[in-house]
Amino acid sequence: MTAVAVKPSAPVGGRVSKKKTSPGGGIGRYLLVRFLLIFPTIFILVSMVFWLMRTTGDPITAALGAKLPPDQLAERIQAAGYDRPIIVQYFEYLGQVFTGNFGTTISTNRPVSEVLLTYGSATAELVFYALIVAFVIGIPLGMVAAYWRDKAPDAALRVFAILCYATPVFFAGLLLKLVFAVWLKVLPVAGRSTIGSELQLQSLPSPTGIYTIDALQTGDPAVLGDVLMHAVLPALALGLLTAGVFLRLVRTNVIGTLGTDYVNAARSRGVNEFRLVSKHAYRPALIPIITVIGLQIALLLGGAVLTETTFEWQGLGFMLIEFIKARDFVAVQGIVALLAVIVALSNFIVDIIAALIDPRVRY
């Protein structure tokens, strides 16, 4: 018999449709959407901060109502424009925020933007060190827990992760101060540096406010060591909060990766379990860590308020408490609005990194 070649039937209309795909279309569209979402997010957060702060009345009366006579108080209110309709103040505030003007503090009469620049660097430094602590503790211990899954070390590490996440930051800070500063006397109890180091840092021609960088500028190893020693306990107290989250995430994802086909194929070739965990299952388990960093930055910024107060670390969190005590709601409003902007931008940066590493998040 002669074989008859059968041509594939053409679709109706006689045309074969081909779906055109652009290599960068998925990620470009994804990042554009994520970028555009920043603006409504910041708008909603700033608006919420404004209206919540104004539930107490105008800021002048809240801060100085018990300190000034009525005529001077009314004069200050009129000069600041707080006697106008609240909706007018709201739109004016939005216009100022989007130009970087957060107003002037009532208690210190300083521009809020100046306060943010002065103390924001200290908070950024603390959050950076806390993230290092979280990575150094959470990721290796998560791999250890996955290696010894369902055994005693795994159970102990899971309890440790729960304690890290559930323990209040200020209580962890007090315990660390008691052990390392009071009992063992190996670390400073509070502050960002000693008085001698502080004077050297302030004498720099162009200080950044980030003491680690400024200490490097001095060229004095003693100053750098002093700054790093002061950062250990605050970074531990704040970093352990996130280390527990990282530990559980790495453990769960490493265990999940160990059940995939390519890991089973490596196991069938005689690769031992330790190498499977450390080489084959390690990198895929880091992708979820990257995707939650944005949320953890929000958690760290919230925890920085209590950490900075506990260790007298003069950053935005420390100043936020001071301004709340002074009922300076203009300054409080500016600090909270800036933190909201930082969280929104951090999430966008994390989205970019996650999209570049894991193509699945683009669709």
Protein backbone atom coordinates (compact mmCIF):
# COMPACT_ATOMS: atom_id res chain seq x y z
CA MET A 1 0.00 0.00 0.00
CA THR A 2 1.13 3.49 -0.75
CA ALA A 3 1.25 5.90 2.14
CA VAL A 4 -0.85 8.97 1.57
CA ALA A 5 0.42 12.19 3.05
CA VAL A 6 -2.36 14.10 4.74
CA LYS A 7 -1.97 17.84 4.96
CA PRO A 8 -3.15 19.47 8.13
CA SER A 9 -6.40 21.23 7.55
CA ALA A 10 -6.22 24.98 7.50
CA PRO A 11 -8.40 26.91 9.87
CA VAL A 12 -11.52 28.67 8.63
CA GLY A 13 -10.55 31.64 6.51
CA GLY A 14 -7.38 29.98 5.26
CA ARG A 15 -5.06 31.75 7.70
CA VAL A 16 -2.85 30.30 10.40
CA SER A 17 -2.85 32.63 13.38
CA LYS A 18 0.37 33.11 15.27
CA LYS A 19 0.43 34.67 18.69
CA LYS A 20 3.13 37.30 18.79
CA THR A 21 4.95 37.57 22.05
CA SER A 22 7.50 40.12 23.03
CA PRO A 23 10.19 38.93 25.42
CA GLY A 24 10.02 42.02 27.61
CA GLY A 25 6.27 42.56 27.35
CA GLY A 26 5.35 40.58 30.46
CA ILE A 27 7.82 42.17 32.83
CA GLY A 28 7.37 45.64 31.35
CA ARG A 29 3.60 45.53 31.79
CA TYR A 30 3.94 44.10 35.28
CA LEU A 31 6.40 46.75 36.47
CA LEU A 32 4.37 49.56 34.88
CA VAL A 33 1.26 48.46 36.77
CA ARG A 34 3.21 48.15 40.03
CA PHE A 35 4.74 51.59 39.52
CA LEU A 36 1.37 53.22 38.84
CA LEU A 37 -0.04 51.65 42.00
CA ILE A 38 2.50 53.59 44.09
CA PHE A 39 0.63 56.87 43.61
CA PRO A 40 -2.83 55.81 44.86
CA THR A 41 -1.15 53.92 47.70
CA ILE A 42 0.76 57.00 48.86
CA PHE A 43 -2.33 59.18 48.34
CA ILE A 44 -4.48 56.93 50.53
CA LEU A 45 -1.85 56.61 53.26
CA VAL A 46 -1.11 60.35 53.40
CA SER A 47 -4.83 61.15 53.44
CA MET A 48 -5.45 58.70 56.29
CA VAL A 49 -2.61 60.24 58.30
CA PHE A 50 -4.00 63.76 57.75
CA TRP A 51 -7.57 62.96 58.78
CA LEU A 52 -6.55 60.83 61.76
CA MET A 53 -4.28 63.58 63.06
CA ARG A 54 -7.04 66.18 62.67
CA THR A 55 -9.51 64.21 64.80
CA THR A 56 -7.83 65.91 67.78
CA GLY A 57 -8.47 69.39 66.37
CA ASP A 58 -5.98 71.85 64.95
CA PRO A 59 -2.30 71.15 65.77
CA ILE A 60 -1.69 74.54 67.42
CA THR A 61 -4.43 74.02 70.01
CA ALA A 62 -3.32 70.43 70.61
CA ALA A 63 0.30 71.42 71.28
CA LEU A 64 -0.04 74.88 72.86
CA GLY A 65 -3.63 75.09 74.07
CA ALA A 66 -2.64 74.85 77.74
CA LYS A 67 0.42 77.10 77.40
CA LEU A 68 -0.81 80.24 75.63
CA PRO A 69 -3.57 82.73 76.48
CA PRO A 70 -6.60 82.63 74.16
CA ASP A 71 -5.68 85.75 72.17
CA GLN A 72 -2.14 84.51 71.39
CA LEU A 73 -3.49 81.06 70.61
CA ALA A 74 -6.02 82.48 68.14
CA GLU A 75 -3.26 84.56 66.55
CA ARG A 76 -1.05 81.49 66.09
CA ILE A 77 -3.95 79.50 64.63
CA GLN A 78 -4.75 82.22 62.11
CA ALA A 79 -1.10 82.68 61.15
CA ALA A 80 -0.74 78.96 60.47
CA GLY A 81 -3.96 78.86 58.44
CA TYR A 82 -5.74 76.38 60.68
CA ASP A 83 -8.84 78.58 60.93
CA ARG A 84 -9.71 77.84 57.30
CA PRO A 85 -12.09 75.03 56.25
CA ILE A 86 -10.58 71.60 56.83
CA ILE A 87 -11.05 70.55 53.21
CA VAL A 88 -8.98 73.56 52.08
CA GLN A 89 -6.24 72.60 54.54
CA TYR A 90 -6.37 69.03 53.25
CA PHE A 91 -5.76 69.92 49.60
CA GLU A 92 -3.08 72.41 50.56
CA TYR A 93 -1.34 69.72 52.61
CA LEU A 94 -1.44 67.28 49.69
CA GLY A 95 0.17 69.88 47.44
CA GLN A 96 2.90 70.51 50.01
CA VAL A 97 3.62 66.81 50.56
CA PHE A 98 4.08 66.10 46.86
CA THR A 99 6.61 68.94 46.71
CA GLY A 100 8.53 67.65 49.74
CA ASN A 101 7.22 70.26 52.19
CA PHE A 102 5.88 68.64 55.37
CA GLY A 103 5.40 71.86 57.31
CA THR A 104 7.16 73.23 60.41
CA THR A 105 7.28 71.57 63.81
CA ILE A 106 5.38 73.37 66.54
CA SER A 107 7.56 72.33 69.48
CA THR A 108 10.98 73.07 67.93
CA ASN A 109 10.06 75.45 65.06
CA ARG A 110 12.18 73.45 62.60
CA PRO A 111 11.13 72.38 59.10
CA VAL A 112 9.81 68.83 59.28
CA SER A 113 11.85 67.94 56.18
CA GLU A 114 15.00 68.92 58.11
CA VAL A 115 13.98 66.65 60.98
CA LEU A 116 13.37 63.81 58.54
CA LEU A 117 16.81 64.20 56.96
CA THR A 118 18.60 64.55 60.29
CA TYR A 119 17.09 61.53 62.03
CA GLY A 120 16.05 59.41 59.04
CA SER A 121 19.62 58.31 58.39
CA ALA A 122 19.84 56.81 61.89
CA THR A 123 16.68 54.78 61.33
CA ALA A 124 17.90 53.64 57.90
CA GLU A 125 21.16 52.47 59.45
CA LEU A 126 19.35 50.54 62.18
CA VAL A 127 16.96 48.86 59.71
CA PHE A 128 19.91 47.90 57.49
CA TYR A 129 21.72 46.22 60.37
CA ALA A 130 18.50 44.52 61.49
CA LEU A 131 18.04 43.05 58.00
CA ILE A 132 21.61 41.70 58.13
CA VAL A 133 20.84 40.05 61.48
CA ALA A 134 17.63 38.57 60.05
CA PHE A 135 19.46 37.13 57.03
CA VAL A 136 22.42 35.79 59.02
CA ILE A 137 20.22 34.10 61.64
CA GLY A 138 17.03 33.25 59.78
CA ILE A 139 18.33 31.74 56.52
CA PRO A 140 20.98 29.31 57.90
CA LEU A 141 18.71 28.18 60.73
CA GLY A 142 15.87 27.65 58.26
CA MET A 143 18.13 25.36 56.23
CA VAL A 144 19.15 23.48 59.39
CA ALA A 145 15.48 23.04 60.33
CA ALA A 146 14.71 21.70 56.84
CA TYR A 147 17.67 19.29 57.00
CA TRP A 148 16.49 17.90 60.38
CA ARG A 149 12.79 18.15 59.53
CA ASP A 150 10.37 16.54 61.98
CA LYS A 151 13.20 15.86 64.41
CA ALA A 152 14.29 17.49 67.67
CA PRO A 153 16.44 20.28 66.12
CA ASP A 154 13.60 21.15 63.76
CA ALA A 155 11.09 21.36 66.62
CA ALA A 156 13.46 23.51 68.70
CA LEU A 157 14.07 25.91 65.82
CA ARG A 158 10.37 26.25 65.09
CA VAL A 159 9.77 27.19 68.72
CA PHE A 160 12.65 29.67 68.45
CA ALA A 161 11.08 31.22 65.33
CA ILE A 162 7.74 31.64 67.11
CA LEU A 163 9.44 33.25 70.10
CA CYS A 164 11.36 35.65 67.84
CA TYR A 165 8.18 36.80 66.14
CA ALA A 166 5.94 36.85 69.21
CA THR A 167 8.29 38.54 71.69
CA PRO A 168 7.70 42.30 71.88
CA VAL A 169 10.67 44.25 70.55
CA PHE A 170 11.03 46.38 73.66
CA PHE A 171 11.03 43.28 75.90
CA ALA A 172 13.69 41.60 73.75
CA GLY A 173 15.71 44.82 73.93
CA LEU A 174 15.46 44.97 77.71
CA LEU A 175 16.56 41.32 78.01
CA LEU A 176 19.55 41.91 75.71
CA LYS A 177 20.54 45.00 77.71
CA LEU A 178 20.26 43.08 80.97
CA VAL A 179 22.41 40.17 79.76
CA PHE A 180 25.07 41.83 77.60
CA ALA A 181 25.26 45.35 79.06
CA VAL A 182 24.47 44.86 82.77
CA TRP A 183 25.53 41.31 83.60
CA LEU A 184 28.33 40.61 81.12
CA LYS A 185 29.29 44.27 80.55
CA VAL A 186 30.54 43.54 77.03
CA LEU A 187 28.29 45.90 75.03
CA PRO A 188 27.05 49.48 75.51
CA VAL A 189 23.67 49.89 77.11
CA ALA A 190 22.30 52.70 74.91
CA GLY A 191 23.05 55.42 72.37
CA ARG A 192 24.74 55.37 68.97
CA SER A 193 28.28 56.12 70.16
CA THR A 194 30.27 57.43 73.12
CA ILE A 195 30.76 61.16 73.67
CA GLY A 196 34.34 61.09 72.35
CA SER A 197 33.34 59.35 69.13
CA GLU A 198 30.32 61.64 68.79
CA LEU A 199 32.55 64.71 68.83
CA GLN A 200 34.78 63.27 66.11
CA LEU A 201 31.79 62.38 63.96
CA GLN A 202 30.25 65.84 64.33
CA SER A 203 33.53 67.52 63.43
CA LEU A 204 33.53 65.98 59.95
CA PRO A 205 33.19 68.52 57.11
CA SER A 206 30.32 66.61 55.45
CA PRO A 207 28.73 64.06 57.80
CA THR A 208 26.05 61.78 56.34
CA GLY A 209 24.29 61.00 59.60
CA ILE A 210 24.95 57.30 59.01
CA TYR A 211 27.51 56.72 61.72
CA THR A 212 29.15 53.72 60.08
CA ILE A 213 29.99 55.73 56.96
CA ASP A 214 31.00 58.76 59.02
CA ALA A 215 33.24 56.59 61.22
CA LEU A 216 34.99 55.33 58.09
CA GLN A 217 35.54 58.95 57.05
CA THR A 218 37.36 59.68 60.31
CA GLY A 219 39.91 56.96 59.55
CA ASP A 220 40.00 56.02 63.24
CA PRO A 221 39.39 52.27 63.87
CA ALA A 222 38.46 53.02 67.48
CA VAL A 223 35.56 55.23 66.37
CA LEU A 224 34.35 52.61 63.89
CA GLY A 225 34.54 49.88 66.53
CA ASP A 226 32.66 52.05 69.01
CA VAL A 227 29.87 52.75 66.50
CA LEU A 228 29.54 49.06 65.58
CA MET A 229 29.48 48.00 69.23
CA HIS A 230 26.61 50.39 69.92
CA ALA A 231 24.67 48.99 66.96
CA VAL A 232 24.84 45.32 68.03
CA LEU A 233 22.08 45.20 70.63
CA PRO A 234 19.51 47.39 68.79
CA ALA A 235 20.12 45.43 65.57
CA LEU A 236 19.70 42.11 67.42
CA ALA A 237 16.49 43.21 69.14
CA LEU A 238 14.94 44.41 65.89
CA GLY A 239 16.47 41.79 63.59
CA LEU A 240 15.26 38.79 65.62
CA LEU A 241 11.69 39.92 64.88
CA THR A 242 12.24 39.28 61.16
CA ALA A 243 14.65 36.37 61.61
CA GLY A 244 11.77 34.22 62.86
CA VAL A 245 9.80 34.96 59.68
CA PHE A 246 12.76 34.14 57.44
CA LEU A 247 13.46 30.92 59.33
CA ARG A 248 9.93 29.59 58.80
CA LEU A 249 9.86 30.65 55.15
CA VAL A 250 13.20 29.05 54.30
CA ARG A 251 12.31 25.84 56.14
CA THR A 252 8.95 25.49 54.40
CA ASN A 253 10.30 26.23 50.92
CA VAL A 254 13.40 24.07 51.25
CA ILE A 255 11.24 21.13 52.33
CA GLY A 256 8.92 21.79 49.36
CA THR A 257 11.85 21.99 46.96
CA LEU A 258 13.30 18.73 48.27
CA GLY A 259 10.22 16.94 46.91
CA THR A 260 10.58 18.21 43.33
CA ASP A 261 11.57 15.98 40.39
CA TYR A 262 15.02 17.43 39.80
CA VAL A 263 15.96 17.00 43.47
CA ASN A 264 14.66 13.42 43.44
CA ALA A 265 16.75 12.81 40.32
CA ALA A 266 19.83 14.14 42.11
CA ARG A 267 19.00 12.00 45.13
CA SER A 268 18.74 8.91 42.90
CA ARG A 269 22.26 9.63 41.64
CA GLY A 270 23.55 9.29 45.19
CA VAL A 271 23.79 12.97 46.19
CA ASN A 272 23.66 13.15 49.99
CA GLU A 273 20.92 15.05 51.82
CA PHE A 274 23.17 17.84 53.08
CA ARG A 275 24.30 18.68 49.55
CA LEU A 276 20.71 18.56 48.33
CA VAL A 277 19.70 21.12 50.94
CA SER A 278 22.73 23.41 50.59
CA LYS A 279 23.11 23.32 46.80
CA HIS A 280 19.92 22.25 45.06
CA ALA A 281 17.13 23.47 47.36
CA TYR A 282 18.81 26.60 48.73
CA ARG A 283 18.40 29.12 45.92
CA PRO A 284 14.75 28.40 45.03
CA ALA A 285 13.90 28.84 48.72
CA LEU A 286 15.26 32.40 48.69
CA ILE A 287 12.70 33.68 46.18
CA PRO A 288 9.88 33.91 48.77
CA ILE A 289 12.28 35.75 51.08
CA ILE A 290 12.77 38.45 48.45
CA THR A 291 9.04 38.81 47.87
CA VAL A 292 8.31 39.45 51.57
CA ILE A 293 11.19 41.86 52.22
CA GLY A 294 8.91 44.79 51.42
CA LEU A 295 6.46 43.70 54.11
CA GLN A 296 9.32 43.09 56.54
CA ILE A 297 10.64 46.62 56.00
CA ALA A 298 7.24 47.92 57.12
CA LEU A 299 7.47 45.62 60.16
CA LEU A 300 11.01 46.81 60.92
CA LEU A 301 10.05 50.48 60.63
CA GLY A 302 7.21 49.88 63.08
CA GLY A 303 9.52 47.97 65.41
CA ALA A 304 12.16 50.71 65.12
CA VAL A 305 9.91 53.03 67.14
CA LEU A 306 10.14 50.80 70.22
CA THR A 307 13.73 49.74 69.56
CA GLU A 308 15.01 53.30 69.26
CA THR A 309 13.14 54.29 72.41
CA THR A 310 14.51 51.31 74.36
CA PHE A 311 18.12 51.95 73.32
CA GLU A 312 17.90 55.78 73.04
CA TRP A 313 18.85 55.46 69.39
CA GLN A 314 18.01 58.90 68.10
CA GLY A 315 16.25 58.12 64.85
CA LEU A 316 12.79 58.79 63.47
CA GLY A 317 11.16 56.33 65.86
CA PHE A 318 12.77 58.00 68.88
CA MET A 319 11.76 61.45 67.67
CA LEU A 320 8.25 60.25 66.85
CA ILE A 321 7.70 59.38 70.51
CA GLU A 322 9.16 62.74 71.59
CA PHE A 323 6.84 64.63 69.24
CA ILE A 324 3.85 62.61 70.44
CA LYS A 325 4.71 63.55 74.02
CA ALA A 326 4.84 67.19 72.96
CA ARG A 327 1.56 66.77 71.03
CA ASP A 328 3.36 68.15 67.98
CA PHE A 329 1.06 66.56 65.42
CA VAL A 330 2.57 68.44 62.48
CA ALA A 331 5.86 66.62 63.07
CA VAL A 332 4.07 63.33 63.77
CA GLN A 333 2.09 63.71 60.55
CA GLY A 334 5.27 64.32 58.55
CA ILE A 335 7.17 61.36 60.01
CA VAL A 336 4.30 58.92 59.50
CA ALA A 337 3.73 60.17 55.95
CA LEU A 338 7.42 59.66 55.13
CA LEU A 339 7.37 56.14 56.56
CA ALA A 340 4.35 55.37 54.40
CA VAL A 341 6.18 56.60 51.29
CA ILE A 342 9.25 54.51 52.19
CA VAL A 343 7.14 51.38 52.57
CA ALA A 344 5.42 51.96 49.20
CA LEU A 345 8.73 52.52 47.39
CA SER A 346 10.35 49.54 49.13
CA ASN A 347 7.58 47.26 47.95
CA PHE A 348 8.03 48.51 44.38
CA ILE A 349 11.79 47.85 44.48
CA VAL A 350 11.14 44.37 45.85
CA ASP A 351 8.65 43.77 43.02
CA ILE A 352 11.35 44.67 40.49
CA ILE A 353 13.87 42.28 42.04
CA ALA A 354 11.31 39.49 42.32
CA ALA A 355 10.25 39.91 38.68
CA LEU A 356 13.85 39.74 37.50
CA ILE A 357 14.59 36.62 39.54
CA ASP A 358 11.32 34.71 39.20
CA PRO A 359 9.46 35.05 35.86
CA ARG A 360 6.31 33.54 37.39
CA VAL A 361 5.44 36.76 39.21
CA ARG A 362 4.99 38.65 35.96
CA TYR A 363 1.80 36.94 34.87
